[in-house]
């Protein structure tokens, strides 16, 4: 049937046209295959161009019966929408059956944010007498100092660090490059790690330019970063549930609360849309009131 060829074409479209990561592409494909499984299980015997809004509504009802979360439902619908929009672009269909699909209501839940004091406590909790101490401190300094995604941290290359200019070049989602300023505290810790620890390591082939290595000379995994953060938070007496993303969220929040321009924060985080940046910067009402009182032309004090 046409499902296989259309799905293969969609995969190439996401990789070449949209420049999405392999993990994101696989997530999209899983969504489409769930729809295909629904078609097969109900013996509908139809190809993608014959799928109607009625089929999709029934599919969503079946999904609801499985009691998956609204967020997972929204992601699933988003993936299906992207697939049928691709078919529309490729002139495989004349009408988009997904245009009338309703997205589930999702409660906006912001992750925990660490205070500056809590950040300092976590970084200070690192035992520098241990073999991995200098490395782990550098990891924490960069996570908070640059607001990185965990994948950007694990893939970070020495050749991308511009010590004199105090910038780091990152390749984020969609293979998009950006330059992020890095503070002297983080740069100093990187230099300590490079010159006192990493230089003494045996480095395996393929990892020569990777900044952070495990004790076997290979690139650190995402799981290892999560474990490092969890361990240091416990040692610092932090009761919140935190992850590498907590440092990224805290980075953005502290910048905006300190008066940074939202567009500048957007660039540093590597967000395609300013709307996404606004989600990361949950400002309290007191702060927003002060901003309005100071800058609004009809409200600010004469």
Protein backbone atom coordinates (compact mmCIF):
# COMPACT_ATOMS: atom_id res chain seq x y z
CA UNK A 1 0.00 0.00 0.00
CA UNK A 2 0.94 3.66 -0.19
CA UNK A 3 1.41 4.04 3.55
CA UNK A 4 5.00 2.78 3.48
CA UNK A 5 6.11 4.95 0.56
CA UNK A 6 4.37 8.02 1.95
CA UNK A 7 5.89 7.50 5.40
CA UNK A 8 9.35 7.09 3.84
CA UNK A 9 8.83 10.28 1.87
CA UNK A 10 7.66 12.09 5.01
CA UNK A 11 10.79 10.92 6.83
CA UNK A 12 13.03 12.33 4.10
CA UNK A 13 11.04 15.58 4.13
CA UNK A 14 11.56 15.99 7.88
CA UNK A 15 15.26 15.25 7.61
CA UNK A 16 16.12 17.28 4.49
CA UNK A 17 13.53 20.06 4.32
CA UNK A 18 12.93 20.58 8.04
CA UNK A 19 16.43 19.58 9.26
CA UNK A 20 14.95 17.84 12.30
CA UNK A 21 16.99 15.59 14.56
CA UNK A 22 16.73 11.82 14.23
CA UNK A 23 14.99 11.54 17.60
CA UNK A 24 12.33 14.05 16.54
CA UNK A 25 11.82 12.31 13.20
CA UNK A 26 11.37 8.95 14.90
CA UNK A 27 8.79 10.51 17.22
CA UNK A 28 6.80 11.80 14.23
CA UNK A 29 6.97 8.43 12.50
CA UNK A 30 5.69 6.61 15.58
CA UNK A 31 2.64 8.88 15.56
CA UNK A 32 1.87 8.10 11.92
CA UNK A 33 2.35 4.38 12.45
CA UNK A 34 -0.19 4.47 15.28
CA UNK A 35 -2.71 5.88 12.82
CA UNK A 36 -1.77 3.22 10.29
CA UNK A 37 -2.25 0.51 12.94
CA UNK A 38 -5.71 1.90 13.71
CA UNK A 39 -6.57 1.71 9.98
CA UNK A 40 -5.34 -1.88 9.75
CA UNK A 41 -6.97 -3.06 12.99
CA UNK A 42 -10.34 -1.79 11.82
CA UNK A 43 -9.94 -3.33 8.35
CA UNK A 44 -10.61 0.01 6.68
CA UNK A 45 -8.28 -0.83 3.80
CA UNK A 46 -7.66 2.80 2.84
CA UNK A 47 -4.52 4.69 1.82
CA UNK A 48 -3.57 8.07 3.34
CA UNK A 49 -5.32 10.11 0.63
CA UNK A 50 -8.63 8.46 1.55
CA UNK A 51 -8.43 9.24 5.27
CA UNK A 52 -11.26 11.57 6.27
CA UNK A 53 -11.86 13.80 9.28
CA UNK A 54 -14.36 11.19 10.50
CA UNK A 55 -11.64 8.53 10.51
CA UNK A 56 -9.35 10.86 12.45
CA UNK A 57 -12.03 11.79 14.99
CA UNK A 58 -12.68 8.11 15.66
CA UNK A 59 -8.95 7.49 15.94
CA UNK A 60 -8.62 10.26 18.56
CA UNK A 61 -11.57 8.81 20.50
CA UNK A 62 -9.80 5.44 20.58
CA UNK A 63 -6.64 7.18 21.78
CA UNK A 64 -8.61 8.89 24.56
CA UNK A 65 -9.90 5.51 25.71
CA UNK A 66 -6.32 4.47 26.38
CA UNK A 67 -6.12 7.30 28.91
CA UNK A 68 -2.91 8.84 27.62
CA UNK A 69 -2.11 12.32 28.90
CA UNK A 70 -3.41 15.44 27.13
CA UNK A 71 0.19 16.44 26.38
CA UNK A 72 0.85 13.10 24.66
CA UNK A 73 -2.41 13.44 22.73
CA UNK A 74 -1.40 16.92 21.58
CA UNK A 75 1.96 15.66 20.39
CA UNK A 76 0.27 12.80 18.53
CA UNK A 77 -2.18 15.14 16.78
CA UNK A 78 0.67 17.51 15.91
CA UNK A 79 2.57 14.65 14.27
CA UNK A 80 -0.46 13.57 12.24
CA UNK A 81 -1.09 17.16 11.15
CA UNK A 82 2.48 17.46 9.91
CA UNK A 83 2.10 14.24 7.91
CA UNK A 84 -1.05 15.36 6.10
CA UNK A 85 0.37 18.83 5.47
CA UNK A 86 3.34 17.12 3.85
CA UNK A 87 0.95 15.15 1.63
CA UNK A 88 -0.80 18.40 0.74
CA UNK A 89 2.51 20.04 -0.20
CA UNK A 90 3.39 17.04 -2.35
CA UNK A 91 -0.03 17.17 -4.06
CA UNK A 92 -0.88 13.68 -2.82
CA UNK A 93 -4.13 15.00 -1.32
CA UNK A 94 -6.39 17.91 -2.21
CA UNK A 95 -7.78 18.62 1.26
CA UNK A 96 -6.27 18.41 4.71
CA UNK A 97 -8.47 16.18 6.92
CA UNK A 98 -6.68 17.35 10.07
CA UNK A 99 -7.74 20.99 9.87
CA UNK A 100 -10.79 20.42 12.07
CA UNK A 101 -9.02 18.35 14.73
CA UNK A 102 -9.19 19.95 18.16
CA UNK A 103 -6.12 19.95 20.36
CA UNK A 104 -6.69 18.84 23.96
CA UNK A 105 -6.49 21.47 26.66
CA UNK A 106 -3.09 21.29 28.32
CA UNK A 107 -2.44 22.71 31.73
CA UNK A 108 0.61 24.91 31.53
CA UNK A 109 3.06 23.50 34.02
CA UNK A 110 6.37 25.23 34.45
CA UNK A 111 9.36 23.28 35.74
CA UNK A 112 10.96 24.12 39.05
CA UNK A 113 13.37 27.02 38.94
CA UNK A 114 16.46 27.21 41.08
CA UNK A 115 17.34 30.41 42.87
CA UNK A 116 20.81 31.89 42.47
CA UNK A 117 21.58 30.70 45.99
CA UNK A 118 20.49 27.15 45.15
CA UNK A 119 22.60 27.18 41.98
CA UNK A 120 25.62 28.27 44.01
CA UNK A 121 24.98 25.58 46.63
CA UNK A 122 24.86 22.87 43.96
CA UNK A 123 28.07 24.04 42.30
CA UNK A 124 29.83 24.43 45.66
CA UNK A 125 28.79 20.89 46.64
CA UNK A 126 31.18 19.37 44.08
CA UNK A 127 34.11 17.61 45.76
CA UNK A 128 37.13 18.82 43.78
CA UNK A 129 39.39 16.26 45.45
CA UNK A 130 37.69 13.48 43.47
CA UNK A 131 38.86 12.57 39.94
CA UNK A 132 35.64 13.76 38.30
CA UNK A 133 35.24 16.85 40.49
CA UNK A 134 36.74 19.48 38.17
CA UNK A 135 34.81 18.04 35.22
CA UNK A 136 31.49 18.01 37.07
CA UNK A 137 31.94 21.57 38.28
CA UNK A 138 32.64 22.70 34.71
CA UNK A 139 29.49 20.91 33.54
CA UNK A 140 27.34 22.71 36.11
CA UNK A 141 28.97 26.08 35.38
CA UNK A 142 28.26 25.74 31.65
CA UNK A 143 24.71 24.44 32.05
CA UNK A 144 23.76 27.47 34.11
CA UNK A 145 26.11 29.94 32.42
CA UNK A 146 24.93 29.21 28.87
CA UNK A 147 21.43 27.73 29.23
CA UNK A 148 22.25 24.65 27.17
CA UNK A 149 20.15 21.69 26.20
CA UNK A 150 21.65 18.48 27.55
CA UNK A 151 22.39 17.22 24.01
CA UNK A 152 24.31 20.43 23.29
CA UNK A 153 26.38 19.89 26.41
CA UNK A 154 27.29 16.27 25.64
CA UNK A 155 28.20 17.16 22.03
CA UNK A 156 30.20 20.24 22.98
CA UNK A 157 33.59 20.45 21.22
CA UNK A 158 36.79 22.06 22.38
CA UNK A 159 37.23 23.64 18.94
CA UNK A 160 33.91 25.46 19.40
CA UNK A 161 35.14 27.36 22.47
CA UNK A 162 36.52 30.82 21.70
CA UNK A 163 38.37 31.61 24.91
CA UNK A 164 39.61 35.07 23.94
CA UNK A 165 36.25 36.25 22.60
CA UNK A 166 34.36 34.50 25.45
CA UNK A 167 31.87 32.80 23.15
CA UNK A 168 30.92 29.19 22.47
CA UNK A 169 29.46 27.98 19.18
CA UNK A 170 26.64 25.49 19.49
CA UNK A 171 24.70 23.44 16.99
CA UNK A 172 21.16 23.09 18.29
CA UNK A 173 17.86 21.75 16.98
CA UNK A 174 17.62 21.55 13.20
CA UNK A 175 21.43 21.84 12.93
CA UNK A 176 21.14 25.57 13.55
CA UNK A 177 24.30 27.21 14.82
CA UNK A 178 24.38 30.00 17.39
CA UNK A 179 26.99 31.84 19.39
CA UNK A 180 26.44 32.03 23.15
CA UNK A 181 28.47 34.26 25.48
CA UNK A 182 30.16 32.43 28.32
CA UNK A 183 31.24 33.98 31.59
CA UNK A 184 34.78 34.01 32.89
CA UNK A 185 33.89 31.76 35.82
CA UNK A 186 32.77 28.99 33.47
CA UNK A 187 35.70 29.56 31.10
CA UNK A 188 38.16 29.37 33.99
CA UNK A 189 36.63 26.08 35.16
CA UNK A 190 36.84 24.66 31.62
CA UNK A 191 40.54 25.57 31.48
CA UNK A 192 41.16 23.92 34.86
CA UNK A 193 39.42 20.75 33.67
CA UNK A 194 41.31 20.72 30.36
CA UNK A 195 44.74 21.39 31.84
CA UNK A 196 44.59 19.35 35.04
CA UNK A 197 42.28 16.42 34.25
CA UNK A 198 41.46 15.87 30.61
CA UNK A 199 45.05 16.27 29.43
CA UNK A 200 46.00 13.20 31.49
CA UNK A 201 43.22 10.99 30.11
CA UNK A 202 43.49 8.33 27.48
CA UNK A 203 41.05 9.49 24.79
CA UNK A 204 39.39 7.05 22.43
CA UNK A 205 39.23 7.61 18.70
CA UNK A 206 36.35 9.85 17.70
CA UNK A 207 36.30 11.70 21.02
CA UNK A 208 39.45 13.79 20.57
CA UNK A 209 37.53 17.06 20.21
CA UNK A 210 34.69 16.27 22.63
CA UNK A 211 35.01 18.43 25.74
CA UNK A 212 33.49 16.27 28.46
CA UNK A 213 34.63 12.64 28.68
CA UNK A 214 33.93 9.74 31.01
CA UNK A 215 36.70 7.81 32.73
CA UNK A 216 36.96 5.50 29.71
CA UNK A 217 37.78 8.36 27.36
CA UNK A 218 34.41 8.47 25.63
CA UNK A 219 31.71 11.10 25.27
CA UNK A 220 29.39 11.44 28.25
CA UNK A 221 25.82 10.21 27.85
CA UNK A 222 22.67 12.17 28.63
CA UNK A 223 21.94 9.77 31.51
CA UNK A 224 25.32 10.53 33.05
CA UNK A 225 24.55 14.27 33.05
CA UNK A 226 21.20 13.61 34.76
CA UNK A 227 22.94 11.47 37.39
CA UNK A 228 25.59 14.11 38.08
CA UNK A 229 22.95 16.78 38.62
CA UNK A 230 20.80 14.54 40.82
CA UNK A 231 23.77 13.62 42.99
CA UNK A 232 24.95 17.21 43.47
CA UNK A 233 21.42 18.46 44.22
CA UNK A 234 21.10 15.84 46.96
CA UNK A 235 24.48 16.80 48.41
CA UNK A 236 23.42 20.46 48.38
CA UNK A 237 20.19 19.61 50.22
CA UNK A 238 17.94 20.71 47.34
CA UNK A 239 14.55 19.02 47.65
CA UNK A 240 13.22 20.04 44.22
CA UNK A 241 13.03 17.61 41.31
CA UNK A 242 15.63 18.98 38.94
CA UNK A 243 17.24 18.04 35.64
CA UNK A 244 19.57 19.68 33.10
CA UNK A 245 16.51 21.54 31.81
CA UNK A 246 16.06 23.13 35.25
CA UNK A 247 19.40 24.87 34.78
CA UNK A 248 18.34 26.06 31.33
CA UNK A 249 15.04 27.36 32.68
CA UNK A 250 16.80 29.07 35.59
CA UNK A 251 19.30 30.67 33.19
CA UNK A 252 16.48 32.27 31.16
CA UNK A 253 14.43 33.27 34.19
CA UNK A 254 17.31 34.96 35.99
CA UNK A 255 18.34 36.86 32.85
CA UNK A 256 14.87 38.27 32.22
CA UNK A 257 14.26 39.07 35.86
CA UNK A 258 17.58 40.90 35.80
CA UNK A 259 16.38 43.08 32.92
CA UNK A 260 17.68 41.20 29.86
CA UNK A 261 15.88 41.75 26.57
CA UNK A 262 13.61 38.82 25.70
CA UNK A 263 14.87 38.74 22.11
CA UNK A 264 18.44 38.39 23.33
CA UNK A 265 17.42 35.51 25.60
CA UNK A 266 15.63 33.91 22.64
CA UNK A 267 18.86 34.02 20.62
CA UNK A 268 20.93 32.54 23.43
CA UNK A 269 18.46 29.71 24.00
CA UNK A 270 18.22 29.00 20.27
CA UNK A 271 14.44 29.29 20.11
CA UNK A 272 12.84 29.71 16.70
CA UNK A 273 9.87 31.55 18.21
CA UNK A 274 9.71 34.23 20.88
CA UNK A 275 6.58 32.49 22.18
CA UNK A 276 8.68 29.55 23.32
CA UNK A 277 11.02 31.87 25.18
CA UNK A 278 8.09 33.46 26.99
CA UNK A 279 7.16 30.03 28.37
CA UNK A 280 10.61 29.69 29.92
CA UNK A 281 10.48 33.10 31.54
CA UNK A 282 7.70 32.84 34.10
CA UNK A 283 7.90 36.25 35.69
CA UNK A 284 6.13 36.96 38.94
CA UNK A 285 3.38 39.56 39.05
CA UNK A 286 5.41 41.91 41.18
CA UNK A 287 8.17 42.03 38.56
CA UNK A 288 5.71 42.56 35.71
CA UNK A 289 3.99 45.35 37.62
CA UNK A 290 7.29 47.13 38.20
CA UNK A 291 8.18 46.87 34.49
CA UNK A 292 4.81 48.33 33.44
CA UNK A 293 5.01 51.11 36.03
CA UNK A 294 8.50 52.06 34.85
CA UNK A 295 8.13 51.87 31.08
CA UNK A 296 4.49 52.29 30.02
CA UNK A 297 4.05 55.86 28.68
CA UNK A 298 0.57 56.30 30.21
CA UNK A 299 1.40 54.77 33.58
CA UNK A 300 4.94 55.65 34.52
CA UNK A 301 5.38 58.40 37.05
CA UNK A 302 6.01 61.89 35.75
